[in-house]
């Protein structure tokens, strides 16, 4: 999941070197935190949050195959 989020985020932003993705496991849930440069925040979130929602949907679809619950948080 971590590499998937990182690859998608790097393809969206102008400054891929500033993309940071961390993963923490909290009981039965995997929390993936995505950090990007402040000027790239809008590109990751998208209009009305559409890109962020699509990113979460793709990650959740990948997580279903592994029977895991995944939460993607975009952090400023």
C-alpha atoms as a PDB file:
ATOM      1  CA  UNK A   1       0.000   0.000   0.000  1.00  0.00           C
ATOM      2  CA  UNK A   2       2.800   2.370   0.925  1.00  0.00           C
ATOM      3  CA  UNK A   3       4.487   2.154  -2.475  1.00  0.00           C
ATOM      4  CA  UNK A   4       1.130   2.507  -4.253  1.00  0.00           C
ATOM      5  CA  UNK A   5       0.277   5.764  -2.461  1.00  0.00           C
ATOM      6  CA  UNK A   6       3.801   7.088  -2.994  1.00  0.00           C
ATOM      7  CA  UNK A   7       3.759   6.319  -6.732  1.00  0.00           C
ATOM      8  CA  UNK A   8       0.373   7.941  -7.271  1.00  0.00           C
ATOM      9  CA  UNK A   9       1.278  11.031  -5.224  1.00  0.00           C
ATOM     10  CA  UNK A  10       4.613  11.530  -7.001  1.00  0.00           C
ATOM     11  CA  UNK A  11       2.895  11.401 -10.377  1.00  0.00           C
ATOM     12  CA  UNK A  12       0.451  14.143  -9.330  1.00  0.00           C
ATOM     13  CA  UNK A  13       2.752  16.778  -7.821  1.00  0.00           C
ATOM     14  CA  UNK A  14       5.311  19.266  -9.178  1.00  0.00           C
ATOM     15  CA  UNK A  15       7.825  18.451  -6.420  1.00  0.00           C
ATOM     16  CA  UNK A  16       7.974  14.642  -6.166  1.00  0.00           C
ATOM     17  CA  UNK A  17      11.104  14.798  -4.016  1.00  0.00           C
ATOM     18  CA  UNK A  18       9.049  16.307  -1.182  1.00  0.00           C
ATOM     19  CA  UNK A  19       6.502  13.470  -1.060  1.00  0.00           C
ATOM     20  CA  UNK A  20       6.654  11.564   2.238  1.00  0.00           C
ATOM     21  CA  UNK A  21       4.538   8.522   2.988  1.00  0.00           C
ATOM     22  CA  UNK A  22       4.511   6.813   6.377  1.00  0.00           C
ATOM     23  CA  UNK A  23       2.586   3.813   7.589  1.00  0.00           C
ATOM     24  CA  UNK A  24       1.459   2.954  11.106  1.00  0.00           C
ATOM     25  CA  UNK A  25      -0.501  -0.071  12.195  1.00  0.00           C
ATOM     26  CA  UNK A  26      -3.168   0.502  14.830  1.00  0.00           C
ATOM     27  CA  UNK A  27      -4.750  -2.816  15.863  1.00  0.00           C
ATOM     28  CA  UNK A  28      -6.475  -4.045  12.675  1.00  0.00           C
ATOM     29  CA  UNK A  29      -6.171  -0.771  10.737  1.00  0.00           C
ATOM     30  CA  UNK A  30      -3.286   0.499   8.624  1.00  0.00           C
ATOM     31  CA  UNK A  31      -2.970   4.297   8.663  1.00  0.00           C
ATOM     32  CA  UNK A  32      -1.073   5.783   5.731  1.00  0.00           C
ATOM     33  CA  UNK A  33      -0.019   9.412   6.124  1.00  0.00           C
ATOM     34  CA  UNK A  34       0.806  11.400   3.000  1.00  0.00           C
ATOM     35  CA  UNK A  35       2.788  14.643   3.181  1.00  0.00           C
ATOM     36  CA  UNK A  36       3.510  16.858   0.170  1.00  0.00           C
ATOM     37  CA  UNK A  37       4.917  20.342  -0.381  1.00  0.00           C
ATOM     38  CA  UNK A  38       2.395  23.071   0.554  1.00  0.00           C
ATOM     39  CA  UNK A  39       2.142  24.291  -3.042  1.00  0.00           C
ATOM     40  CA  UNK A  40       1.250  20.738  -4.182  1.00  0.00           C
ATOM     41  CA  UNK A  41      -1.538  20.227  -1.656  1.00  0.00           C
ATOM     42  CA  UNK A  42      -4.245  21.300  -4.096  1.00  0.00           C
ATOM     43  CA  UNK A  43      -3.023  18.824  -6.701  1.00  0.00           C
ATOM     44  CA  UNK A  44      -3.289  15.922  -4.282  1.00  0.00           C
ATOM     45  CA  UNK A  45      -6.698  16.954  -2.945  1.00  0.00           C
ATOM     46  CA  UNK A  46      -8.244  18.086  -6.232  1.00  0.00           C
ATOM     47  CA  UNK A  47     -11.416  20.043  -6.846  1.00  0.00           C
ATOM     48  CA  UNK A  48     -13.929  19.254  -4.119  1.00  0.00           C
ATOM     49  CA  UNK A  49     -11.599  16.495  -2.892  1.00  0.00           C
ATOM     50  CA  UNK A  50     -12.105  14.288  -5.949  1.00  0.00           C
ATOM     51  CA  UNK A  51      -8.475  13.229  -6.354  1.00  0.00           C
ATOM     52  CA  UNK A  52      -8.109  12.490  -2.637  1.00  0.00           C
ATOM     53  CA  UNK A  53     -11.299  10.419  -2.758  1.00  0.00           C
ATOM     54  CA  UNK A  54     -10.070   8.515  -5.818  1.00  0.00           C
ATOM     55  CA  UNK A  55      -6.726   7.834  -4.109  1.00  0.00           C
ATOM     56  CA  UNK A  56      -8.507   6.465  -1.043  1.00  0.00           C
ATOM     57  CA  UNK A  57     -10.765   4.317  -3.237  1.00  0.00           C
ATOM     58  CA  UNK A  58      -7.800   2.745  -5.053  1.00  0.00           C
ATOM     59  CA  UNK A  59      -6.001   2.012  -1.775  1.00  0.00           C
ATOM     60  CA  UNK A  60      -9.120   0.515  -0.204  1.00  0.00           C
ATOM     61  CA  UNK A  61      -9.637  -1.695  -3.267  1.00  0.00           C
ATOM     62  CA  UNK A  62      -6.054  -2.949  -2.932  1.00  0.00           C
ATOM     63  CA  UNK A  63      -6.561  -3.511   0.806  1.00  0.00           C
ATOM     64  CA  UNK A  64      -9.657  -5.655   0.253  1.00  0.00           C
ATOM     65  CA  UNK A  65      -7.494  -8.229  -1.527  1.00  0.00           C
ATOM     66  CA  UNK A  66      -5.378  -8.511   1.621  1.00  0.00           C
ATOM     67  CA  UNK A  67      -8.370  -8.401   4.016  1.00  0.00           C
ATOM     68  CA  UNK A  68      -7.097  -5.255   5.717  1.00  0.00           C
ATOM     69  CA  UNK A  69      -8.610  -1.895   6.584  1.00  0.00           C
ATOM     70  CA  UNK A  70      -6.640   1.096   5.342  1.00  0.00           C
ATOM     71  CA  UNK A  71      -7.065   4.798   6.101  1.00  0.00           C
ATOM     72  CA  UNK A  72      -5.254   7.411   4.000  1.00  0.00           C
ATOM     73  CA  UNK A  73      -4.638  10.773   5.674  1.00  0.00           C
ATOM     74  CA  UNK A  74      -3.316  13.774   3.767  1.00  0.00           C
ATOM     75  CA  UNK A  75      -1.349  15.932   6.192  1.00  0.00           C
ATOM     76  CA  UNK A  76      -0.254  19.536   5.687  1.00  0.00           C
END
